Each structure stands twice: as C-alpha cells, then as structure tokens.
C-alpha cells in the first residue's frame, strides 16, 4: 500500500514514555510539551499520546523527577 504523503516511507522517530511510579503529577512535562501531547489522566498523573509525540525530549529535560524515558526511534507503519 502506497502513502502519497510519504512516498519514501515514514521517518523513524523517538517516543516519550512517562513512568507512573516516578511521576508526581507536577505537570512540568505537559507545560513544556511543544506538541501538547502529554495528557492528564483521571488519577492525576500524566501520559503521552504516542500518535502525537515527535520525540523532541522537551518533557524529559524538564521533568525534575526523572519520570520520562525516551524510547529509541522506531519505524512508523
């Protein structure tokens, strides 16, 4: 199947993941997310919308508790 928007395939991109054990719910990750893809869960912690994350690392740099991990780039399908 060909994707006319990406004739040479999609780019591999990194993905941010928030550890719910380390997350304190401070919100710094969401505040500095340029894609606004970090969402507040009903339990007061945050999670990343994987579809919108571009792996820019802004959340990781700004998390004072080390709760954000950047997964290595993966090929999108």
N, C-alpha and C. Protein backbone atom coordinates (compact mmCIF):
# COMPACT_ATOMS: atom_id res chain seq x y z
N UNK A 1 0.84 -1.18 0.00
CA UNK A 1 0.00 0.00 0.00
C UNK A 1 0.89 1.24 0.00
N UNK A 2 0.64 2.15 -0.89
CA UNK A 2 1.44 3.36 -1.03
C UNK A 2 0.79 4.53 -0.29
N UNK A 3 1.60 5.34 0.36
CA UNK A 3 1.12 6.52 1.06
C UNK A 3 1.62 7.74 0.30
N UNK A 4 0.75 8.45 -0.38
CA UNK A 4 1.18 9.57 -1.21
C UNK A 4 1.81 10.71 -0.40
N UNK A 5 1.46 10.82 0.87
CA UNK A 5 2.06 11.85 1.71
C UNK A 5 3.49 11.50 2.10
N UNK A 6 3.83 10.20 2.06
CA UNK A 6 5.16 9.73 2.44
C UNK A 6 5.63 8.71 1.40
N UNK A 7 5.98 9.17 0.21
CA UNK A 7 6.32 8.23 -0.86
C UNK A 7 7.54 7.36 -0.56
N UNK A 8 8.42 7.80 0.33
CA UNK A 8 9.62 7.03 0.66
C UNK A 8 9.49 6.37 2.03
N UNK A 9 8.28 6.33 2.57
CA UNK A 9 8.04 5.75 3.89
C UNK A 9 8.11 6.82 4.96
N UNK A 10 7.55 6.50 6.11
CA UNK A 10 7.58 7.43 7.23
C UNK A 10 8.92 7.38 7.93
N UNK A 11 9.30 8.48 8.56
CA UNK A 11 10.56 8.58 9.30
C UNK A 11 10.47 7.84 10.63
N UNK A 12 11.57 7.27 11.04
CA UNK A 12 11.65 6.70 12.38
C UNK A 12 11.69 7.85 13.37
N UNK A 13 11.01 7.70 14.50
CA UNK A 13 11.00 8.78 15.49
C UNK A 13 11.03 8.20 16.89
N UNK A 14 11.62 8.96 17.79
CA UNK A 14 11.68 8.56 19.19
C UNK A 14 10.32 8.80 19.84
N UNK A 15 10.10 8.20 20.99
CA UNK A 15 8.83 8.33 21.68
C UNK A 15 9.07 8.50 23.18
N UNK A 16 8.39 9.47 23.77
CA UNK A 16 8.48 9.69 25.22
C UNK A 16 7.49 8.78 25.93
N UNK A 17 7.92 8.26 27.08
CA UNK A 17 7.07 7.44 27.93
C UNK A 17 7.24 7.93 29.36
N UNK A 18 6.12 8.08 30.07
CA UNK A 18 6.17 8.55 31.46
C UNK A 18 5.95 7.37 32.40
N UNK A 19 6.87 7.20 33.34
CA UNK A 19 6.78 6.13 34.32
C UNK A 19 5.77 6.54 35.41
N UNK A 20 4.65 5.84 35.52
CA UNK A 20 3.64 6.24 36.51
C UNK A 20 4.10 6.11 37.96
N UNK A 21 5.13 5.32 38.21
CA UNK A 21 5.65 5.18 39.57
C UNK A 21 6.47 6.41 39.96
N UNK A 22 7.24 6.94 39.01
CA UNK A 22 8.09 8.10 39.28
C UNK A 22 7.35 9.43 39.12
N UNK A 23 6.26 9.44 38.35
CA UNK A 23 5.52 10.67 38.08
C UNK A 23 4.82 11.15 39.35
N UNK A 24 5.00 12.43 39.67
CA UNK A 24 4.35 13.01 40.85
C UNK A 24 3.13 13.84 40.46
N UNK A 25 2.91 14.03 39.16
CA UNK A 25 1.77 14.82 38.70
C UNK A 25 2.05 16.31 38.72
N UNK A 26 3.31 16.71 38.73
CA UNK A 26 3.65 18.14 38.82
C UNK A 26 3.25 18.92 37.56
N UNK A 27 3.24 18.25 36.41
CA UNK A 27 2.79 18.89 35.18
C UNK A 27 3.85 19.60 34.35
N UNK A 28 5.10 19.58 34.80
CA UNK A 28 6.15 20.24 34.03
C UNK A 28 6.29 19.64 32.63
N UNK A 29 6.16 18.34 32.52
CA UNK A 29 6.29 17.70 31.21
C UNK A 29 5.24 18.24 30.24
N UNK A 30 4.00 18.34 30.70
CA UNK A 30 2.91 18.83 29.85
C UNK A 30 3.09 20.32 29.55
N UNK A 31 3.57 21.06 30.53
CA UNK A 31 3.74 22.51 30.35
C UNK A 31 4.74 22.83 29.24
N UNK A 32 5.79 22.01 29.13
CA UNK A 32 6.84 22.28 28.16
C UNK A 32 6.72 21.48 26.87
N UNK A 33 5.68 20.65 26.74
CA UNK A 33 5.50 19.83 25.54
C UNK A 33 5.06 20.71 24.37
N UNK A 34 5.89 20.78 23.33
CA UNK A 34 5.56 21.63 22.19
C UNK A 34 4.42 21.08 21.35
N UNK A 35 4.17 19.79 21.44
CA UNK A 35 3.09 19.15 20.67
C UNK A 35 1.80 19.05 21.48
N UNK A 36 1.86 19.41 22.76
CA UNK A 36 0.70 19.31 23.65
C UNK A 36 0.12 17.89 23.64
N UNK A 37 1.01 16.90 23.63
CA UNK A 37 0.57 15.50 23.56
C UNK A 37 0.69 14.78 24.90
N UNK A 38 0.97 15.51 25.98
CA UNK A 38 1.03 14.89 27.30
C UNK A 38 -0.26 15.26 28.01
N UNK A 39 -1.01 14.22 28.35
CA UNK A 39 -2.36 14.41 28.86
C UNK A 39 -2.48 14.01 30.33
N UNK A 40 -3.30 14.74 31.06
CA UNK A 40 -3.55 14.44 32.46
C UNK A 40 -4.58 13.31 32.56
N UNK A 41 -4.22 12.27 33.28
CA UNK A 41 -5.13 11.14 33.49
C UNK A 41 -6.07 11.46 34.65
N UNK A 42 -7.17 10.73 34.78
CA UNK A 42 -8.09 10.95 35.91
C UNK A 42 -7.44 10.75 37.28
N UNK A 43 -6.38 9.93 37.34
CA UNK A 43 -5.72 9.69 38.63
C UNK A 43 -4.70 10.77 39.01
N UNK A 44 -4.57 11.82 38.17
CA UNK A 44 -3.68 12.93 38.48
C UNK A 44 -2.28 12.80 37.94
N UNK A 45 -1.98 11.70 37.26
CA UNK A 45 -0.67 11.52 36.65
C UNK A 45 -0.78 11.81 35.15
N UNK A 46 0.34 11.82 34.47
CA UNK A 46 0.37 12.18 33.06
C UNK A 46 0.75 10.99 32.19
N UNK A 47 0.29 11.02 30.93
CA UNK A 47 0.67 10.01 29.96
C UNK A 47 0.86 10.69 28.61
N UNK A 48 1.63 10.04 27.73
CA UNK A 48 1.94 10.58 26.41
C UNK A 48 1.01 9.98 25.36
N UNK A 49 0.46 10.84 24.52
CA UNK A 49 -0.30 10.38 23.36
C UNK A 49 0.74 10.01 22.30
N UNK A 50 0.96 8.72 22.11
CA UNK A 50 2.02 8.22 21.24
C UNK A 50 1.84 8.65 19.79
N UNK A 51 0.62 8.86 19.36
CA UNK A 51 0.36 9.26 17.97
C UNK A 51 0.86 10.67 17.69
N UNK A 52 0.86 11.53 18.71
CA UNK A 52 1.24 12.94 18.52
C UNK A 52 2.68 13.24 18.91
N UNK A 53 3.30 12.39 19.70
CA UNK A 53 4.66 12.63 20.20
C UNK A 53 5.68 12.59 19.05
N UNK A 54 6.55 13.60 19.00
CA UNK A 54 7.60 13.64 17.98
C UNK A 54 8.98 13.32 18.56
N UNK A 55 9.04 13.02 19.85
CA UNK A 55 10.31 12.64 20.47
C UNK A 55 11.29 13.78 20.63
N UNK A 56 10.79 14.99 20.87
CA UNK A 56 11.67 16.17 20.95
C UNK A 56 12.49 16.23 22.23
N UNK A 57 12.09 15.47 23.26
CA UNK A 57 12.80 15.37 24.54
C UNK A 57 12.58 16.56 25.49
N UNK A 58 11.72 17.47 25.13
CA UNK A 58 11.45 18.62 26.00
C UNK A 58 10.89 18.17 27.34
N UNK A 59 10.02 17.17 27.32
CA UNK A 59 9.44 16.66 28.57
C UNK A 59 10.51 16.04 29.46
N UNK A 60 11.41 15.28 28.86
CA UNK A 60 12.47 14.62 29.62
C UNK A 60 13.39 15.64 30.27
N UNK A 61 13.77 16.65 29.52
CA UNK A 61 14.67 17.69 30.03
C UNK A 61 14.04 18.46 31.18
N UNK A 62 12.74 18.65 31.13
CA UNK A 62 12.07 19.48 32.13
C UNK A 62 11.44 18.71 33.29
N UNK A 63 11.51 17.39 33.28
CA UNK A 63 10.96 16.61 34.39
C UNK A 63 11.95 16.58 35.55
N UNK A 64 11.63 17.20 36.69
CA UNK A 64 12.57 17.22 37.82
C UNK A 64 12.67 15.89 38.55
N UNK A 65 11.81 14.94 38.22
CA UNK A 65 11.80 13.66 38.94
C UNK A 65 12.31 12.50 38.11
N UNK A 66 12.75 12.75 36.88
CA UNK A 66 13.29 11.70 36.04
C UNK A 66 12.26 10.65 35.64
N UNK A 67 11.00 11.06 35.52
CA UNK A 67 9.93 10.12 35.22
C UNK A 67 9.75 9.86 33.73
N UNK A 68 10.46 10.62 32.89
CA UNK A 68 10.28 10.48 31.43
C UNK A 68 11.45 9.73 30.83
N UNK A 69 11.13 8.75 30.00
CA UNK A 69 12.12 7.98 29.26
C UNK A 69 11.84 8.20 27.78
N UNK A 70 12.90 8.32 26.99
CA UNK A 70 12.74 8.44 25.55
C UNK A 70 13.12 7.10 24.94
N UNK A 71 12.14 6.45 24.31
CA UNK A 71 12.40 5.18 23.66
C UNK A 71 13.13 5.44 22.34
N UNK A 72 13.98 4.53 21.92
CA UNK A 72 14.73 4.73 20.67
C UNK A 72 13.79 4.84 19.46
N UNK A 73 14.27 5.49 18.41
CA UNK A 73 13.42 5.64 17.22
C UNK A 73 12.93 4.31 16.69
N UNK A 74 11.71 4.32 16.22
CA UNK A 74 11.11 3.14 15.62
C UNK A 74 10.48 3.55 14.29
N UNK A 75 10.45 2.66 13.38
CA UNK A 75 9.87 2.95 12.06
C UNK A 75 8.36 2.96 12.17
N UNK A 76 7.74 4.02 11.68
CA UNK A 76 6.29 4.09 11.68
C UNK A 76 5.74 3.27 10.53
N UNK A 77 4.56 2.75 10.71
CA UNK A 77 3.92 1.99 9.64
C UNK A 77 2.68 2.70 9.16
